[in-house]
Amino acid sequence: EVATMAKKASETVVLAIDEEGLDSLISELLKSLGDNQASVRRGSAYLTGFFFKNSKLDIIDEAPNLVTTLIVMLTDPNSSTVQASWEALGCVIGSLPKEILPTYVKTVRDAVSTARDKERRKRK
């Protein structure tokens, strides 16, 4: 029950963010997506997806960094975090106008390359 209440509270907080707080929110989400604890990464991925799915703000400029980070997170050792990252990635991409999606090809290609390199380093 506490976890459910905390989740609802964090959803309320991210939706209360206005244009002035957007940079701070995105910065904190990105920082948390790289946290050492899987539960923090997973929660941040969830909130990222929730925010992009439900926000009324113009958040197109924030998407490239998050797309890159979330794609790299698909290599996370924690399967629940991978699932949350995949869902968040879908929400971020889904929030973008279809007309600009072709401009993300290089971003996605670079992120996949980074993720592949990260996996190779793990195996050595």
N, C-alpha and C. Protein backbone atom coordinates (compact mmCIF):
# COMPACT_ATOMS: atom_id res chain seq x y z
N GLU A 1 0.82 -1.20 0.00
CA GLU A 1 0.00 0.00 0.00
C GLU A 1 0.86 1.26 0.00
N VAL A 2 1.96 1.24 0.75
CA VAL A 2 2.86 2.40 0.78
C VAL A 2 3.45 2.64 -0.60
N ALA A 3 3.83 1.56 -1.28
CA ALA A 3 4.40 1.69 -2.62
C ALA A 3 3.39 2.29 -3.59
N THR A 4 2.14 1.89 -3.48
CA THR A 4 1.08 2.43 -4.34
C THR A 4 0.88 3.92 -4.08
N MET A 5 0.88 4.29 -2.81
CA MET A 5 0.72 5.70 -2.46
C MET A 5 1.91 6.53 -2.95
N ALA A 6 3.10 5.99 -2.84
CA ALA A 6 4.30 6.69 -3.30
C ALA A 6 4.26 6.87 -4.82
N LYS A 7 3.80 5.84 -5.51
CA LYS A 7 3.69 5.90 -6.97
C LYS A 7 2.71 6.99 -7.38
N LYS A 8 1.55 7.01 -6.74
CA LYS A 8 0.54 8.03 -7.04
C LYS A 8 1.07 9.43 -6.75
N ALA A 9 1.78 9.57 -5.63
CA ALA A 9 2.34 10.87 -5.26
C ALA A 9 3.35 11.34 -6.30
N SER A 10 4.21 10.44 -6.74
CA SER A 10 5.22 10.83 -7.73
C SER A 10 4.57 11.16 -9.07
N GLU A 11 3.51 10.45 -9.44
CA GLU A 11 2.77 10.78 -10.66
C GLU A 11 2.18 12.18 -10.57
N THR A 12 1.62 12.51 -9.41
CA THR A 12 1.04 13.84 -9.20
C THR A 12 2.10 14.92 -9.31
N VAL A 13 3.26 14.66 -8.72
CA VAL A 13 4.35 15.64 -8.75
C VAL A 13 4.83 15.89 -10.17
N VAL A 14 5.09 14.82 -10.95
CA VAL A 14 5.61 15.05 -12.30
C VAL A 14 4.60 15.77 -13.19
N LEU A 15 3.31 15.53 -12.97
CA LEU A 15 2.31 16.22 -13.78
C LEU A 15 2.10 17.67 -13.35
N ALA A 16 2.57 18.01 -12.15
CA ALA A 16 2.47 19.40 -11.68
C ALA A 16 3.61 20.26 -12.21
N ILE A 17 4.57 19.65 -12.87
CA ILE A 17 5.72 20.39 -13.40
C ILE A 17 5.27 21.31 -14.53
N ASP A 18 5.77 22.56 -14.48
CA ASP A 18 5.47 23.50 -15.56
C ASP A 18 6.74 23.70 -16.39
N GLU A 19 6.68 24.61 -17.38
CA GLU A 19 7.82 24.86 -18.26
C GLU A 19 9.09 25.20 -17.48
N GLU A 20 8.94 25.96 -16.40
CA GLU A 20 10.11 26.37 -15.61
C GLU A 20 10.80 25.20 -14.93
N GLY A 21 10.04 24.19 -14.55
CA GLY A 21 10.61 23.05 -13.85
C GLY A 21 11.00 21.89 -14.75
N LEU A 22 10.73 22.04 -16.04
CA LEU A 22 10.95 20.93 -16.98
C LEU A 22 12.41 20.48 -17.03
N ASP A 23 13.34 21.43 -17.14
CA ASP A 23 14.76 21.06 -17.21
C ASP A 23 15.20 20.31 -15.95
N SER A 24 14.74 20.78 -14.80
CA SER A 24 15.10 20.12 -13.54
C SER A 24 14.54 18.71 -13.48
N LEU A 25 13.29 18.54 -13.91
CA LEU A 25 12.68 17.21 -13.90
C LEU A 25 13.44 16.25 -14.81
N ILE A 26 13.70 16.69 -16.04
CA ILE A 26 14.38 15.82 -17.00
C ILE A 26 15.78 15.47 -16.49
N SER A 27 16.46 16.45 -15.91
CA SER A 27 17.79 16.21 -15.34
C SER A 27 17.73 15.15 -14.25
N GLU A 28 16.75 15.25 -13.36
CA GLU A 28 16.61 14.27 -12.27
C GLU A 28 16.22 12.89 -12.81
N LEU A 29 15.34 12.86 -13.81
CA LEU A 29 14.97 11.57 -14.40
C LEU A 29 16.19 10.90 -15.03
N LEU A 30 16.96 11.67 -15.80
CA LEU A 30 18.15 11.11 -16.44
C LEU A 30 19.15 10.61 -15.40
N LYS A 31 19.33 11.38 -14.33
CA LYS A 31 20.25 10.97 -13.27
C LYS A 31 19.77 9.66 -12.63
N SER A 32 18.48 9.57 -12.36
CA SER A 32 17.92 8.38 -11.72
C SER A 32 17.92 7.17 -12.64
N LEU A 33 17.82 7.40 -13.95
CA LEU A 33 17.88 6.29 -14.90
C LEU A 33 19.25 5.61 -14.87
N GLY A 34 20.26 6.33 -14.40
CA GLY A 34 21.60 5.76 -14.31
C GLY A 34 21.99 5.35 -12.90
N ASP A 35 21.04 5.31 -11.99
CA ASP A 35 21.33 4.98 -10.59
C ASP A 35 21.86 3.55 -10.44
N ASN A 36 22.56 3.31 -9.34
CA ASN A 36 23.10 1.97 -9.06
C ASN A 36 22.02 0.96 -8.68
N GLN A 37 20.92 1.42 -8.11
CA GLN A 37 19.86 0.51 -7.66
C GLN A 37 18.83 0.29 -8.76
N ALA A 38 18.57 -0.97 -9.05
CA ALA A 38 17.60 -1.32 -10.09
C ALA A 38 16.22 -0.74 -9.81
N SER A 39 15.81 -0.72 -8.55
CA SER A 39 14.48 -0.19 -8.22
C SER A 39 14.37 1.29 -8.55
N VAL A 40 15.45 2.04 -8.38
CA VAL A 40 15.45 3.47 -8.71
C VAL A 40 15.39 3.65 -10.23
N ARG A 41 16.20 2.87 -10.96
CA ARG A 41 16.18 2.94 -12.42
C ARG A 41 14.80 2.59 -12.96
N ARG A 42 14.22 1.54 -12.40
CA ARG A 42 12.89 1.08 -12.84
C ARG A 42 11.83 2.14 -12.55
N GLY A 43 11.86 2.72 -11.36
CA GLY A 43 10.90 3.77 -11.00
C GLY A 43 11.05 5.00 -11.87
N SER A 44 12.28 5.36 -12.17
CA SER A 44 12.53 6.52 -13.02
C SER A 44 12.06 6.26 -14.45
N ALA A 45 12.27 5.04 -14.93
CA ALA A 45 11.79 4.69 -16.27
C ALA A 45 10.26 4.78 -16.31
N TYR A 46 9.62 4.26 -15.26
CA TYR A 46 8.16 4.34 -15.20
C TYR A 46 7.70 5.80 -15.23
N LEU A 47 8.31 6.64 -14.39
CA LEU A 47 7.90 8.05 -14.32
C LEU A 47 8.18 8.79 -15.63
N THR A 48 9.27 8.42 -16.30
CA THR A 48 9.57 9.03 -17.60
C THR A 48 8.45 8.72 -18.58
N GLY A 49 8.07 7.46 -18.66
CA GLY A 49 6.98 7.07 -19.56
C GLY A 49 5.68 7.73 -19.18
N PHE A 50 5.38 7.74 -17.89
CA PHE A 50 4.14 8.36 -17.40
C PHE A 50 4.10 9.84 -17.77
N PHE A 51 5.21 10.52 -17.56
CA PHE A 51 5.28 11.95 -17.85
C PHE A 51 5.07 12.21 -19.34
N PHE A 52 5.78 11.48 -20.20
CA PHE A 52 5.65 11.72 -21.63
C PHE A 52 4.27 11.33 -22.15
N LYS A 53 3.66 10.37 -21.54
CA LYS A 53 2.32 9.94 -21.97
C LYS A 53 1.25 10.94 -21.56
N ASN A 54 1.43 11.59 -20.40
CA ASN A 54 0.35 12.40 -19.83
C ASN A 54 0.59 13.90 -19.79
N SER A 55 1.80 14.35 -20.03
CA SER A 55 2.10 15.77 -19.91
C SER A 55 1.48 16.57 -21.06
N LYS A 56 1.10 17.78 -20.76
CA LYS A 56 0.57 18.70 -21.77
C LYS A 56 1.65 19.69 -22.23
N LEU A 57 2.84 19.58 -21.65
CA LEU A 57 3.93 20.49 -22.01
C LEU A 57 4.54 20.12 -23.36
N ASP A 58 5.22 21.08 -23.97
CA ASP A 58 5.96 20.82 -25.20
C ASP A 58 7.29 20.18 -24.79
N ILE A 59 7.39 18.89 -24.95
CA ILE A 59 8.55 18.16 -24.44
C ILE A 59 9.37 17.52 -25.56
N ILE A 60 9.15 17.96 -26.78
CA ILE A 60 9.86 17.39 -27.93
C ILE A 60 11.37 17.54 -27.78
N ASP A 61 11.81 18.71 -27.29
CA ASP A 61 13.25 18.95 -27.16
C ASP A 61 13.92 18.03 -26.14
N GLU A 62 13.13 17.49 -25.23
CA GLU A 62 13.68 16.63 -24.17
C GLU A 62 13.83 15.18 -24.62
N ALA A 63 13.18 14.83 -25.71
CA ALA A 63 13.10 13.43 -26.13
C ALA A 63 14.43 12.80 -26.56
N PRO A 64 15.30 13.47 -27.33
CA PRO A 64 16.49 12.77 -27.82
C PRO A 64 17.36 12.15 -26.73
N ASN A 65 17.66 12.90 -25.67
CA ASN A 65 18.48 12.34 -24.58
C ASN A 65 17.80 11.15 -23.92
N LEU A 66 16.50 11.25 -23.74
CA LEU A 66 15.77 10.16 -23.09
C LEU A 66 15.68 8.93 -24.00
N VAL A 67 15.49 9.15 -25.29
CA VAL A 67 15.46 8.02 -26.23
C VAL A 67 16.79 7.27 -26.16
N THR A 68 17.88 8.02 -26.21
CA THR A 68 19.21 7.41 -26.14
C THR A 68 19.39 6.63 -24.85
N THR A 69 19.09 7.27 -23.73
CA THR A 69 19.27 6.64 -22.42
C THR A 69 18.41 5.39 -22.28
N LEU A 70 17.15 5.47 -22.70
CA LEU A 70 16.24 4.33 -22.56
C LEU A 70 16.64 3.16 -23.46
N ILE A 71 17.16 3.46 -24.65
CA ILE A 71 17.63 2.37 -25.52
C ILE A 71 18.82 1.67 -24.87
N VAL A 72 19.76 2.44 -24.34
CA VAL A 72 20.92 1.83 -23.68
C VAL A 72 20.47 1.02 -22.46
N MET A 73 19.41 1.46 -21.79
CA MET A 73 18.90 0.73 -20.62
C MET A 73 18.30 -0.63 -20.98
N LEU A 74 18.06 -0.87 -22.25
CA LEU A 74 17.55 -2.18 -22.66
C LEU A 74 18.60 -3.27 -22.43
N THR A 75 19.82 -2.87 -22.10
CA THR A 75 20.87 -3.84 -21.77
C THR A 75 21.00 -4.03 -20.26
N ASP A 76 20.11 -3.44 -19.49
CA ASP A 76 20.18 -3.53 -18.02
C ASP A 76 20.12 -4.99 -17.58
N PRO A 77 20.90 -5.35 -16.55
CA PRO A 77 20.87 -6.74 -16.08
C PRO A 77 19.56 -7.13 -15.38
N ASN A 78 18.77 -6.15 -14.98
CA ASN A 78 17.51 -6.43 -14.27
C ASN A 78 16.36 -6.45 -15.28
N SER A 79 15.69 -7.59 -15.41
CA SER A 79 14.65 -7.74 -16.43
C SER A 79 13.45 -6.81 -16.21
N SER A 80 13.11 -6.53 -14.97
CA SER A 80 12.00 -5.60 -14.70
C SER A 80 12.36 -4.18 -15.13
N THR A 81 13.62 -3.83 -14.99
CA THR A 81 14.08 -2.51 -15.43
C THR A 81 14.05 -2.43 -16.95
N VAL A 82 14.44 -3.51 -17.61
CA VAL A 82 14.38 -3.56 -19.07
C VAL A 82 12.94 -3.37 -19.54
N GLN A 83 12.00 -4.06 -18.89
CA GLN A 83 10.58 -3.93 -19.25
C GLN A 83 10.10 -2.50 -19.06
N ALA A 84 10.44 -1.89 -17.93
CA ALA A 84 10.03 -0.51 -17.66
C ALA A 84 10.66 0.45 -18.67
N SER A 85 11.90 0.19 -19.05
CA SER A 85 12.59 1.04 -20.03
C SER A 85 11.93 0.92 -21.40
N TRP A 86 11.57 -0.29 -21.77
CA TRP A 86 10.89 -0.53 -23.05
C TRP A 86 9.55 0.21 -23.09
N GLU A 87 8.79 0.11 -22.02
CA GLU A 87 7.50 0.79 -21.96
C GLU A 87 7.68 2.31 -21.99
N ALA A 88 8.67 2.81 -21.26
CA ALA A 88 8.94 4.25 -21.26
C ALA A 88 9.36 4.73 -22.65
N LEU A 89 10.20 3.94 -23.31
CA LEU A 89 10.63 4.29 -24.66
C LEU A 89 9.43 4.40 -25.59
N GLY A 90 8.49 3.48 -25.47
CA GLY A 90 7.27 3.54 -26.27
C GLY A 90 6.47 4.80 -26.00
N CYS A 91 6.41 5.21 -24.74
CA CYS A 91 5.68 6.44 -24.38
C CYS A 91 6.38 7.68 -24.92
N VAL A 92 7.71 7.70 -24.82
CA VAL A 92 8.46 8.86 -25.32
C VAL A 92 8.29 8.97 -26.83
N ILE A 93 8.52 7.87 -27.55
CA ILE A 93 8.37 7.87 -29.01
C ILE A 93 6.93 8.19 -29.39
N GLY A 94 5.98 7.62 -28.66
CA GLY A 94 4.56 7.85 -28.95
C GLY A 94 4.12 9.29 -28.73
N SER A 95 4.87 10.05 -27.96
CA SER A 95 4.50 11.45 -27.71
C SER A 95 4.99 12.38 -28.82
N LEU A 96 5.82 11.86 -29.71
CA LEU A 96 6.40 12.69 -30.76
C LEU A 96 5.51 12.72 -31.99
N PRO A 97 5.44 13.87 -32.65
CA PRO A 97 4.67 13.94 -33.90
C PRO A 97 5.31 13.03 -34.96
N LYS A 98 4.49 12.34 -35.70
CA LYS A 98 4.98 11.38 -36.70
C LYS A 98 5.92 12.03 -37.72
N GLU A 99 5.67 13.31 -38.01
CA GLU A 99 6.48 13.99 -39.02
C GLU A 99 7.95 14.10 -38.62
N ILE A 100 8.24 14.13 -37.33
CA ILE A 100 9.64 14.30 -36.92
C ILE A 100 10.34 12.98 -36.62
N LEU A 101 9.64 11.88 -36.64
CA LEU A 101 10.25 10.59 -36.31
C LEU A 101 11.45 10.25 -37.21
N PRO A 102 11.41 10.56 -38.52
CA PRO A 102 12.58 10.25 -39.34
C PRO A 102 13.86 10.94 -38.86
N THR A 103 13.73 12.06 -38.17
CA THR A 103 14.92 12.76 -37.67
C THR A 103 15.57 12.00 -36.51
N TYR A 104 14.90 11.00 -35.99
CA TYR A 104 15.42 10.22 -34.87
C TYR A 104 16.21 8.98 -35.30
N VAL A 105 16.31 8.74 -36.60
CA VAL A 105 17.00 7.54 -37.07
C VAL A 105 18.45 7.53 -36.58
N LYS A 106 19.16 8.64 -36.73
CA LYS A 106 20.55 8.69 -36.28
C LYS A 106 20.64 8.54 -34.76
N THR A 107 19.75 9.17 -34.03
CA THR A 107 19.73 9.06 -32.57
C THR A 107 19.58 7.60 -32.15
N VAL A 108 18.64 6.91 -32.78
CA VAL A 108 18.39 5.50 -32.44
C VAL A 108 19.59 4.64 -32.85
N ARG A 109 20.11 4.88 -34.04
CA ARG A 109 21.27 4.11 -34.51
C ARG A 109 22.45 4.27 -33.55
N ASP A 110 22.73 5.51 -33.14
CA ASP A 110 23.84 5.76 -32.21
C ASP A 110 23.59 5.10 -30.85
N ALA A 111 22.35 5.16 -30.38
CA ALA A 111 22.02 4.56 -29.08
C ALA A 111 22.17 3.04 -29.13
N VAL A 112 21.74 2.43 -30.23
CA VAL A 112 21.88 0.98 -30.38
C VAL A 112 23.36 0.60 -30.43
N SER A 113 24.15 1.40 -31.11
CA SER A 113 25.59 1.15 -31.17
C SER A 113 26.22 1.25 -29.78
N THR A 114 25.82 2.25 -29.02
CA THR A 114 26.31 2.41 -27.65
C THR A 114 25.91 1.22 -26.79
N ALA A 115 24.66 0.79 -26.91
CA ALA A 115 24.17 -0.36 -26.14
C ALA A 115 24.94 -1.63 -26.51
N ARG A 116 25.18 -1.81 -27.80
CA ARG A 116 25.93 -2.98 -28.27
C ARG A 116 27.35 -2.97 -27.70
N ASP A 117 28.00 -1.80 -27.74
CA ASP A 117 29.35 -1.68 -27.19
C ASP A 117 29.37 -1.96 -25.69
N LYS A 118 28.36 -1.48 -25.00
CA LYS A 118 28.26 -1.70 -23.55
C LYS A 118 28.14 -3.20 -23.25
N GLU A 119 27.34 -3.89 -24.03
CA GLU A 119 27.17 -5.34 -23.86
C GLU A 119 28.48 -6.07 -24.13
N ARG A 120 29.19 -5.66 -25.16
CA ARG A 120 30.47 -6.30 -25.49
C ARG A 120 31.47 -6.12 -24.35
N ARG A 121 31.51 -4.92 -23.77
CA ARG A 121 32.43 -4.66 -22.66
C ARG A 121 32.07 -5.52 -21.45
N LYS A 122 30.78 -5.74 -21.22
CA LYS A 122 30.35 -6.57 -20.09
C LYS A 122 30.83 -8.00 -20.23
N ARG A 123 30.87 -8.48 -21.45
CA ARG A 123 31.21 -9.89 -21.70
C ARG A 123 32.71 -10.16 -21.66
N LYS A 124 33.51 -9.11 -21.68
CA LYS A 124 34.98 -9.30 -21.68
C LYS A 124 35.50 -9.50 -20.29
